[in-house]
Protein backbone atom coordinates (compact mmCIF):
# COMPACT_ATOMS: atom_id res chain seq x y z
CA MET A 1 -18.06 -53.17 25.61
CA ALA A 2 -20.79 -50.68 26.51
CA THR A 3 -19.14 -49.83 29.81
CA LEU A 4 -15.61 -49.35 28.50
CA LEU A 5 -15.51 -45.53 28.44
CA ALA A 6 -16.81 -44.94 31.95
CA ASP A 7 -14.90 -47.87 33.40
CA ARG A 8 -11.68 -46.50 31.96
CA GLU A 9 -12.32 -43.10 33.55
CA ILE A 10 -13.10 -44.65 36.93
CA GLU A 11 -10.05 -46.91 36.82
CA ARG A 12 -7.93 -43.81 36.18
CA LEU A 13 -9.50 -42.11 39.22
CA MET A 14 -8.92 -45.20 41.37
CA ALA A 15 -5.22 -45.04 40.54
CA LEU A 16 -4.99 -41.35 41.43
CA HIS A 17 -7.15 -41.05 44.54
CA PRO A 18 -7.54 -42.99 47.80
CA LYS A 19 -10.12 -45.74 48.00
CA GLY A 20 -12.84 -45.90 50.62
CA TYR A 21 -14.32 -43.12 52.72
CA ASP A 22 -12.82 -40.06 54.39
CA LEU A 23 -15.83 -38.42 55.95
CA SER A 24 -15.67 -34.67 55.38
CA LEU A 25 -17.53 -32.11 53.25
CA ASP A 26 -14.66 -29.71 52.58
CA ARG A 27 -13.30 -31.46 49.50
CA ILE A 28 -16.60 -31.99 47.71
CA GLN A 29 -17.78 -28.48 48.52
CA ARG A 30 -14.58 -27.10 46.98
CA LEU A 31 -15.10 -29.25 43.87
CA LEU A 32 -18.77 -28.38 43.51
CA GLU A 33 -17.97 -24.68 43.70
CA LYS A 34 -15.62 -25.10 40.73
CA LEU A 35 -18.46 -26.86 38.90
CA GLY A 36 -20.88 -23.99 39.57
CA ASN A 37 -22.65 -25.67 42.51
CA PRO A 38 -24.90 -28.04 40.53
CA GLN A 39 -26.33 -29.40 43.81
CA ASP A 40 -28.21 -26.09 44.13
CA ARG A 41 -29.93 -26.54 40.76
CA LEU A 42 -31.63 -29.88 41.34
CA PRO A 43 -35.33 -30.76 41.26
CA PRO A 44 -36.88 -31.45 44.72
CA VAL A 45 -34.61 -33.89 46.58
CA ILE A 46 -35.74 -36.87 48.67
CA HIS A 47 -32.64 -37.53 50.79
CA ILE A 48 -32.55 -40.99 52.40
CA ALA A 49 -30.28 -42.26 55.19
CA GLY A 50 -30.32 -45.31 57.48
CA THR A 51 -28.48 -48.52 58.24
CA ASN A 52 -30.98 -50.86 56.60
CA GLY A 53 -33.88 -50.23 54.26
CA LYS A 54 -32.69 -47.02 52.61
CA GLY A 55 -32.29 -48.73 49.25
CA SER A 56 -35.77 -50.22 49.50
CA ALA A 57 -37.17 -46.82 50.49
CA ALA A 58 -35.48 -45.33 47.43
CA ALA A 59 -36.97 -48.05 45.23
CA PHE A 60 -40.48 -47.54 46.66
CA SER A 61 -40.14 -43.74 46.32
CA ARG A 62 -39.13 -44.09 42.69
CA ALA A 63 -42.01 -46.48 42.03
CA LEU A 64 -44.50 -44.10 43.65
CA LEU A 65 -43.34 -41.09 41.67
CA GLU A 66 -43.10 -42.95 38.36
CA ALA A 67 -46.55 -44.50 38.90
CA ALA A 68 -47.86 -40.93 39.15
CA GLY A 69 -46.25 -40.09 35.81
CA HIS A 70 -43.22 -38.19 37.12
CA SER A 71 -39.67 -38.53 35.80
CA VAL A 72 -37.21 -39.25 38.61
CA HIS A 73 -33.42 -39.21 38.89
CA VAL A 74 -32.07 -41.77 41.39
CA HIS A 75 -28.60 -41.98 42.92
CA THR A 76 -27.86 -45.10 44.98
CA SER A 77 -24.73 -46.93 46.08
CA PRO A 78 -23.05 -49.30 45.85
CA HIS A 79 -23.63 -50.76 42.42
CA LEU A 80 -23.91 -54.52 41.92
CA VAL A 81 -22.42 -55.19 38.48
CA HIS A 82 -21.81 -51.88 36.65
CA TRP A 83 -21.00 -48.41 37.98
CA HIS A 84 -23.81 -47.04 35.80
CA GLU A 85 -26.40 -48.54 38.19
CA ARG A 86 -25.67 -45.72 40.64
CA TYR A 87 -27.23 -43.18 38.25
CA ARG A 88 -30.77 -43.74 37.02
CA MET A 89 -31.77 -40.88 34.78
CA GLY A 90 -35.40 -39.80 34.85
CA ALA A 91 -37.46 -40.37 31.72
CA VAL A 92 -41.12 -40.46 30.81
CA GLY A 93 -42.34 -44.03 31.26
CA GLY A 94 -39.53 -44.95 33.65
CA GLY A 95 -35.89 -44.08 34.30
CA ARG A 96 -32.89 -45.75 32.70
CA PHE A 97 -29.28 -46.16 33.81
CA VAL A 98 -27.08 -43.39 32.49
CA SER A 99 -25.60 -44.08 29.06
CA ASP A 100 -21.91 -44.87 28.89
CA GLU A 101 -21.04 -41.84 26.77
CA VAL A 102 -22.87 -39.34 28.99
CA PHE A 103 -21.45 -40.94 32.13
CA ALA A 104 -17.86 -40.99 30.88
CA GLU A 105 -18.04 -37.36 29.73
CA ALA A 106 -19.38 -36.24 33.13
CA ILE A 107 -16.66 -38.15 35.01
CA SER A 108 -13.97 -36.60 32.82
CA ARG A 109 -15.40 -33.11 33.31
CA VAL A 110 -15.63 -33.45 37.09
CA ALA A 111 -12.13 -34.92 37.36
CA GLU A 112 -10.76 -32.07 35.27
CA ALA A 113 -12.46 -29.53 37.53
CA ASN A 114 -10.90 -31.21 40.56
CA GLY A 115 -7.49 -30.61 39.05
CA GLY A 116 -5.77 -33.52 40.76
CA GLN A 117 -6.42 -32.24 44.29
CA THR A 118 -6.85 -34.70 47.16
CA ILE A 119 -10.32 -36.22 47.10
CA THR A 120 -11.94 -39.67 47.29
CA VAL A 121 -13.40 -41.42 44.29
CA PHE A 122 -16.79 -41.58 46.03
CA GLU A 123 -16.76 -37.80 46.32
CA ILE A 124 -15.99 -37.37 42.64
CA LEU A 125 -18.73 -39.81 41.70
CA THR A 126 -21.20 -38.01 43.97
CA ALA A 127 -20.32 -34.75 42.24
CA VAL A 128 -20.98 -36.54 38.95
CA ALA A 129 -24.52 -37.29 40.16
CA PHE A 130 -25.15 -33.61 40.89
CA VAL A 131 -23.80 -32.61 37.47
CA LEU A 132 -25.91 -35.19 35.63
CA PHE A 133 -29.09 -34.50 37.58
CA SER A 134 -28.78 -30.72 37.27
CA GLU A 135 -28.32 -30.87 33.51
CA HIS A 136 -31.19 -33.23 32.68
CA PRO A 137 -34.76 -32.26 33.64
CA ALA A 138 -36.83 -34.36 36.05
CA ALA A 139 -39.58 -33.84 38.61
CA ALA A 140 -37.57 -35.15 41.55
CA VAL A 141 -34.25 -36.56 42.71
CA ILE A 142 -33.95 -39.52 45.06
CA LEU A 143 -30.57 -39.34 46.77
CA GLU A 144 -29.32 -42.20 48.94
CA VAL A 145 -26.66 -41.48 51.55
CA GLY A 146 -23.49 -43.51 51.05
CA LEU A 147 -22.26 -43.77 54.65
CA GLY A 148 -23.52 -42.10 57.81
CA GLY A 149 -25.11 -38.77 56.99
CA ARG A 150 -23.54 -35.71 58.59
CA PHE A 151 -20.27 -35.90 56.64
CA ASP A 152 -21.45 -38.03 53.72
CA ALA A 153 -20.68 -36.46 50.33
CA THR A 154 -24.40 -36.28 49.52
CA ASN A 155 -25.02 -33.99 52.50
CA VAL A 156 -24.23 -30.81 50.60
CA ILE A 157 -27.95 -30.53 49.84
CA SER A 158 -28.98 -27.43 51.80
CA ALA A 159 -32.77 -27.72 51.58
CA PRO A 160 -34.09 -31.18 50.71
CA ALA A 161 -37.78 -31.57 50.00
CA VAL A 162 -37.70 -34.23 52.72
CA SER A 163 -35.10 -36.12 54.76
CA VAL A 164 -36.07 -39.77 55.29
CA ILE A 165 -34.21 -41.77 57.93
CA MET A 166 -34.69 -45.52 57.82
CA PRO A 167 -33.93 -48.15 60.51
CA ILE A 168 -30.67 -47.59 62.35
CA SER A 169 -28.59 -50.38 63.86
CA PRO A 170 -24.89 -51.02 64.54
CA ASP A 171 -22.80 -50.98 61.35
CA HIS A 172 -19.68 -49.14 60.15
CA GLN A 173 -18.75 -48.59 63.81
CA ALA A 174 -15.20 -47.55 62.86
CA TYR A 175 -16.65 -44.50 61.11
CA LEU A 176 -19.89 -43.81 62.96
CA GLY A 177 -19.41 -44.88 66.57
CA ASP A 178 -19.98 -47.99 68.63
CA ARG A 179 -23.35 -47.08 70.18
CA VAL A 180 -26.62 -46.85 68.32
CA GLU A 181 -27.31 -43.33 69.60
CA LEU A 182 -23.96 -42.16 68.18
CA ILE A 183 -24.79 -43.74 64.84
CA ALA A 184 -28.22 -42.08 64.94
CA ALA A 185 -26.60 -38.71 65.58
CA GLU A 186 -24.53 -39.13 62.41
CA LYS A 187 -27.56 -40.15 60.36
CA ALA A 188 -29.53 -37.22 61.82
CA GLY A 189 -26.98 -34.93 60.18
CA ILE A 190 -29.06 -34.93 56.99
CA ILE A 191 -31.89 -33.12 58.83
CA LYS A 192 -31.95 -29.49 57.68
CA ARG A 193 -33.55 -26.59 59.52
CA GLY A 194 -37.22 -26.23 58.63
CA CYS A 195 -37.19 -29.05 56.07
CA PRO A 196 -39.63 -31.97 56.47
CA VAL A 197 -38.39 -35.17 58.13
CA VAL A 198 -39.80 -38.70 57.99
CA ILE A 199 -38.49 -41.27 60.48
CA GLY A 200 -39.00 -44.87 59.43
CA ALA A 201 -39.53 -47.83 61.77
CA GLN A 202 -36.77 -47.96 64.39
CA GLU A 203 -35.75 -51.07 66.32
CA PHE A 204 -33.88 -49.07 68.96
CA ASP A 205 -35.65 -46.48 71.12
CA GLU A 206 -32.33 -44.66 71.63
CA ALA A 207 -32.01 -44.09 67.89
CA ARG A 208 -35.58 -42.87 67.54
CA GLU A 209 -35.17 -40.42 70.41
CA VAL A 210 -32.02 -38.91 68.90
CA LEU A 211 -33.75 -38.44 65.54
CA ILE A 212 -36.87 -36.89 67.07
CA GLU A 213 -34.86 -34.56 69.29
CA THR A 214 -32.77 -33.40 66.32
CA ALA A 215 -35.85 -32.73 64.18
CA HIS A 216 -37.42 -30.71 67.00
CA ARG A 217 -34.23 -28.74 67.54
CA MET A 218 -34.08 -27.97 63.81
CA ARG A 219 -37.78 -27.01 63.84
CA SER A 220 -38.42 -29.47 61.06
CA PRO A 221 -41.94 -30.76 60.35
CA LEU A 222 -41.80 -34.35 61.58
CA GLN A 223 -43.58 -37.63 60.91
CA VAL A 224 -42.63 -40.75 62.86
CA TYR A 225 -43.49 -44.34 61.99
CA GLY A 226 -45.89 -45.80 64.55
CA GLN A 227 -47.10 -42.36 65.61
CA ASP A 228 -47.99 -40.37 62.49
CA PHE A 229 -48.11 -43.15 59.91
CA LEU A 230 -47.91 -46.95 59.90
CA ALA A 231 -48.56 -50.05 57.82
CA HIS A 232 -49.60 -53.63 58.53
CA GLN A 233 -50.88 -56.70 56.75
CA GLU A 234 -54.56 -57.53 57.00
CA ASN A 235 -56.32 -60.28 55.06
CA GLY A 236 -53.52 -60.49 52.53
CA ARG A 237 -53.47 -56.75 51.93
CA LEU A 238 -51.16 -53.90 52.95
CA ILE A 239 -52.99 -51.32 55.04
CA TYR A 240 -51.30 -47.90 55.15
CA GLN A 241 -52.58 -45.24 57.52
CA ASP A 242 -51.67 -41.62 58.16
CA GLU A 243 -53.51 -38.46 59.18
CA THR A 244 -55.27 -38.34 55.79
CA GLY A 245 -56.84 -41.79 56.23
CA LEU A 246 -56.38 -45.41 55.18
CA MET A 247 -55.16 -46.96 51.95
CA ASP A 248 -55.96 -50.63 51.23
CA LEU A 249 -53.11 -51.80 48.96
CA SER A 250 -51.72 -54.93 47.36
CA LEU A 251 -48.85 -56.54 49.23
CA PRO A 252 -45.49 -55.25 47.99
CA ARG A 253 -43.69 -57.10 45.25
CA LEU A 254 -40.56 -57.03 47.45
CA PRO A 255 -40.79 -60.03 49.82
CA GLY A 256 -40.62 -59.77 53.60
CA ARG A 257 -42.71 -58.13 56.32
CA HIS A 258 -39.97 -55.53 56.81
CA GLN A 259 -40.96 -54.11 53.42
CA TYR A 260 -44.34 -52.99 54.79
CA ALA A 261 -42.65 -50.37 56.96
CA ASN A 262 -40.24 -49.48 54.15
CA ALA A 263 -43.16 -48.86 51.78
CA ALA A 264 -44.90 -46.79 54.46
CA ALA A 265 -41.84 -44.57 54.95
CA ALA A 266 -41.64 -44.01 51.20
CA ILE A 267 -45.32 -43.04 50.96
CA ALA A 268 -44.94 -40.64 53.90
CA GLY A 269 -41.71 -39.27 52.44
CA VAL A 270 -43.08 -38.67 48.94
CA ARG A 271 -46.13 -36.94 50.40
CA ALA A 272 -43.96 -34.83 52.72
CA ALA A 273 -41.92 -33.79 49.68
CA GLY A 274 -45.05 -32.24 48.21
CA PHE A 275 -46.20 -34.94 45.79
CA GLU A 276 -49.70 -36.39 45.79
CA VAL A 277 -49.95 -40.15 46.37
CA SER A 278 -53.35 -41.51 45.43
CA LEU A 279 -54.66 -44.98 46.25
CA GLU A 280 -54.31 -46.01 42.61
CA THR A 281 -50.75 -44.67 42.38
CA ALA A 282 -49.65 -46.37 45.60
CA ASP A 283 -51.21 -49.70 44.62
CA ARG A 284 -49.53 -49.67 41.21
CA ALA A 285 -46.21 -48.71 42.81
CA VAL A 286 -46.08 -51.49 45.41
CA GLN A 287 -46.90 -54.05 42.72
CA ASN A 288 -44.20 -52.82 40.32
CA VAL A 289 -41.36 -51.88 42.68
CA SER A 290 -37.99 -53.45 41.93
CA TRP A 291 -34.77 -53.51 43.94
CA PRO A 292 -32.16 -55.93 42.53
CA GLY A 293 -30.07 -57.98 44.94
CA ARG A 294 -32.42 -57.58 47.87
CA MET A 295 -34.57 -60.66 48.35
CA GLN A 296 -34.37 -61.18 44.60
CA ARG A 297 -35.65 -64.46 43.20
CA LEU A 298 -33.43 -65.94 40.48
CA THR A 299 -35.36 -68.12 38.05
CA THR A 300 -33.08 -68.32 35.01
CA GLY A 301 -29.38 -68.08 34.28
CA LYS A 302 -26.11 -69.99 34.20
CA LEU A 303 -25.88 -70.47 37.97
CA VAL A 304 -29.55 -71.35 38.32
CA ASP A 305 -28.98 -74.20 35.89
CA LEU A 306 -26.42 -75.73 38.28
CA ALA A 307 -28.83 -76.06 41.22
CA PRO A 308 -30.92 -79.13 42.08
CA ASP A 309 -34.03 -79.52 39.94
CA GLY A 310 -36.91 -77.52 41.36
CA ALA A 311 -34.75 -75.52 43.77
CA GLU A 312 -35.68 -71.97 44.71
CA ILE A 313 -32.78 -69.51 44.59
CA TRP A 314 -32.91 -66.20 46.43
CA LEU A 315 -30.31 -63.46 46.47
CA ASP A 316 -29.84 -60.83 49.17
CA GLY A 317 -26.97 -58.43 49.87
CA GLY A 318 -27.85 -57.51 53.47
CA HIS A 319 -24.70 -57.79 55.57
CA ASN A 320 -25.28 -56.85 59.21
CA PRO A 321 -27.29 -58.39 62.06
CA GLY A 322 -30.29 -56.14 61.42
CA ALA A 323 -30.40 -57.16 57.77
CA GLY A 324 -29.89 -60.80 58.75
CA ALA A 325 -32.94 -60.66 61.01
CA ALA A 326 -35.08 -59.10 58.25
CA VAL A 327 -33.97 -61.66 55.65
CA ALA A 328 -34.44 -64.56 58.06
CA GLU A 329 -37.99 -63.37 58.75
CA ALA A 330 -38.63 -63.19 55.01
CA MET A 331 -37.33 -66.76 54.63
CA ALA A 332 -39.62 -67.84 57.48
CA GLU A 333 -42.57 -66.37 55.57
CA GLN A 334 -41.60 -68.40 52.51
CA GLU A 335 -41.38 -71.47 54.73
CA GLU A 336 -44.91 -70.88 56.02
CA ARG A 337 -46.25 -70.75 52.47
CA ASN A 338 -44.20 -73.57 51.00
CA PRO A 339 -42.00 -75.62 53.35
CA ARG A 340 -38.55 -76.47 51.97
CA PRO A 341 -35.11 -77.11 53.50
CA LEU A 342 -33.16 -73.83 53.70
CA VAL A 343 -29.52 -73.79 52.59
CA LEU A 344 -27.33 -70.69 52.78
CA VAL A 345 -24.49 -69.88 50.41
CA SER A 346 -22.73 -66.99 52.12
CA GLY A 347 -19.76 -64.70 51.64
CA MET A 348 -18.97 -61.65 53.79
CA ILE A 349 -16.35 -58.96 54.29
CA ASN A 350 -14.29 -58.43 57.42
CA THR A 351 -15.87 -55.14 58.51
CA LYS A 352 -19.18 -56.85 59.30
CA ASP A 353 -20.44 -58.79 62.33
CA GLN A 354 -20.51 -62.20 60.67
CA THR A 355 -21.57 -64.23 63.70
CA GLY A 356 -24.28 -61.70 64.48
CA TYR A 357 -25.59 -62.01 60.93
CA PHE A 358 -25.69 -65.83 61.08
CA HIS A 359 -27.45 -65.88 64.48
CA ALA A 360 -30.66 -64.87 62.74
CA PHE A 361 -30.70 -68.20 60.86
CA HIS A 362 -30.13 -70.46 63.88
CA GLY A 363 -32.73 -73.22 63.84
CA MET A 364 -33.73 -72.39 60.26
CA ALA A 365 -30.83 -73.24 57.95
CA ARG A 366 -30.03 -76.89 57.38
CA HIS A 367 -26.55 -76.14 56.03
CA VAL A 368 -24.27 -73.22 55.18
CA PHE A 369 -21.74 -73.16 52.37
CA THR A 370 -19.25 -70.34 52.87
CA VAL A 371 -17.53 -68.87 49.81
CA PRO A 372 -14.80 -66.28 49.19
CA VAL A 373 -15.80 -62.74 48.23
CA THR A 374 -13.36 -62.23 45.39
CA MET A 375 -14.63 -58.77 44.41
CA SER A 376 -13.34 -57.17 47.64
CA GLU A 377 -9.93 -57.12 49.27
CA ALA A 378 -11.78 -57.27 52.60
CA GLY A 379 -13.40 -60.64 51.86
CA VAL A 380 -13.35 -63.09 54.78
CA PRO A 381 -11.60 -66.40 53.89
CA ASN A 382 -14.23 -69.08 53.47
CA ASP A 383 -12.83 -71.26 56.27
CA GLU A 384 -12.90 -68.36 58.73
CA LEU A 385 -16.47 -67.53 57.72
CA ALA A 386 -17.47 -71.16 58.28
CA ALA A 387 -16.10 -70.85 61.82
CA ARG A 388 -18.21 -67.70 62.38
CA ALA A 389 -21.30 -69.54 61.17
CA ALA A 390 -20.49 -72.44 63.52
CA GLU A 391 -20.26 -69.96 66.40
CA ALA A 392 -23.86 -69.05 65.62
CA GLY A 393 -24.86 -72.71 65.88
CA LEU A 394 -25.02 -73.49 62.16
CA VAL A 395 -23.55 -76.44 60.27
CA ALA A 396 -21.09 -74.82 57.88
CA GLU A 397 -18.75 -75.96 55.13
CA PRO A 398 -16.23 -73.84 53.18
CA VAL A 399 -16.30 -74.26 49.40
CA SER A 400 -14.48 -72.50 46.59
CA SER A 401 -17.37 -70.73 44.83
CA VAL A 402 -21.12 -70.31 44.53
CA ALA A 403 -21.08 -72.53 41.46
CA ASN A 404 -19.29 -75.24 43.42
CA ALA A 405 -21.83 -74.98 46.25
CA LEU A 406 -24.73 -75.40 43.82
CA LEU A 407 -23.07 -78.37 42.13
CA LEU A 408 -22.40 -80.04 45.51
CA LEU A 409 -26.04 -79.52 46.44
CA ARG A 410 -27.27 -80.96 43.16
CA ASP A 411 -25.02 -84.01 43.31
CA GLY A 412 -25.72 -84.74 46.96
CA TRP A 413 -29.40 -83.87 47.32
CA ASP A 414 -31.69 -86.67 48.45
CA GLU A 415 -34.53 -86.77 45.93
CA ARG A 416 -36.86 -87.96 48.69
CA ASP A 417 -36.59 -84.46 50.20
CA ALA A 418 -38.34 -81.40 48.84
CA PRO A 419 -36.09 -79.34 46.54
CA PRO A 420 -34.07 -76.86 48.61
CA ARG A 421 -34.63 -73.16 49.12
CA ILE A 422 -31.19 -71.64 48.54
CA LEU A 423 -30.32 -68.19 49.89
CA ILE A 424 -27.14 -66.61 48.49
CA CYS A 425 -26.36 -63.88 50.99
CA GLY A 426 -24.05 -61.81 53.16
CA SER A 427 -22.48 -59.23 50.86
CA LEU A 428 -23.43 -56.91 48.02
CA TYR A 429 -20.06 -57.76 46.46
CA LEU A 430 -21.12 -61.41 46.39
CA VAL A 431 -24.54 -60.51 45.00
CA GLY A 432 -22.96 -58.48 42.18
CA ALA A 433 -20.61 -61.30 41.27
CA VAL A 434 -23.52 -63.77 41.23
CA LEU A 435 -25.68 -61.57 39.00
CA ALA A 436 -22.76 -61.11 36.59
CA GLU A 437 -21.90 -64.82 36.48
CA ASN A 438 -25.56 -65.76 36.17
CA GLY A 439 -25.97 -63.41 33.22
CA THR A 440 -28.75 -61.38 34.88
CA PRO A 441 -27.34 -57.92 35.74
CA PRO A 442 -29.71 -55.18 36.97
CA VAL A 443 -31.61 -53.23 34.32
């Protein structure tokens, strides 16, 4: 297997070190010092935080830079199918996931430098990103925050080319606080004195105010969505505007109106980082952008073959109420273009607001099949998740698997109805399992 070497190294780390997050910078700073501080030898860094949309912003930023001919390293988390997805190595003509041999060697080297001291696996794997990206040339690094910002392991970057903060909403309250302004304060921790800041579209005024106040206090050049830049749809086109003027662009390849603001934040962020973004570059980027597992259309594969003939199958890993609202809006757009009955196949983990997520689909979804999330110990039992969906006013039924849900739909679908639009949703763990079982992992 191509992933055997790196997987073996990571499994060894999992056995030695605690799982999950322990928000602090002391351990990773100690480790990076032993490694010669590779985080200080990176190309210009675009550092991205936020509750929702940071992955899309990373994808748009990569597309913009690659469309301009730049090589770009990208570090995102979590992965969907293989650990290697977290590390996209810059290359002329487009980045590629790190090779197994290079990845395994870097993990082994970082673990050896750590010398068995207390640390989390996420911290080791973040250090691996800094080692890989410092040793292979590229024009830029796109670095996605794992959790929060202030104490996230990625926040050892002392002078990012730009800090981009995407929409903030309640999530990970056990780590970040139970009020949106407290969560915003944690995300604002990636703002560095004098370094440019781009604030994406914010649903909550309290979050926006915290971010703006922090940027002002840090004397950081600031651009705010809705004030300094914005985007909207007009006559089937994406119109982006900032102080330099207008750009008339194709609509993004990523579905959903929420992607207009995500694309705008990426354009503003890439420009703030010192890179030129021409009309031609931006148009090519929004047409070619890819972000697996986020409003991804599945058209072929083993699971697709189980669905009713003519069914649409969409896949999205959003897992909190804010993400639910964005995905529901995207489904409503699809309904406007091509009306079909909407069926959800959903699995979630127990740290998320399941009822809040399902509320977004009230009045839209005809039926919900709830499935176990077998890839996580925190998976909500399918019968409990069905109860949460019912609390949101949806008709829900627990089933044993995604495959079983698709077979039940196929066997029971009334051919007099239009083929269904099926949304598999609620957890990135579920999305990863579906892509693996379907035979269509990210590339």
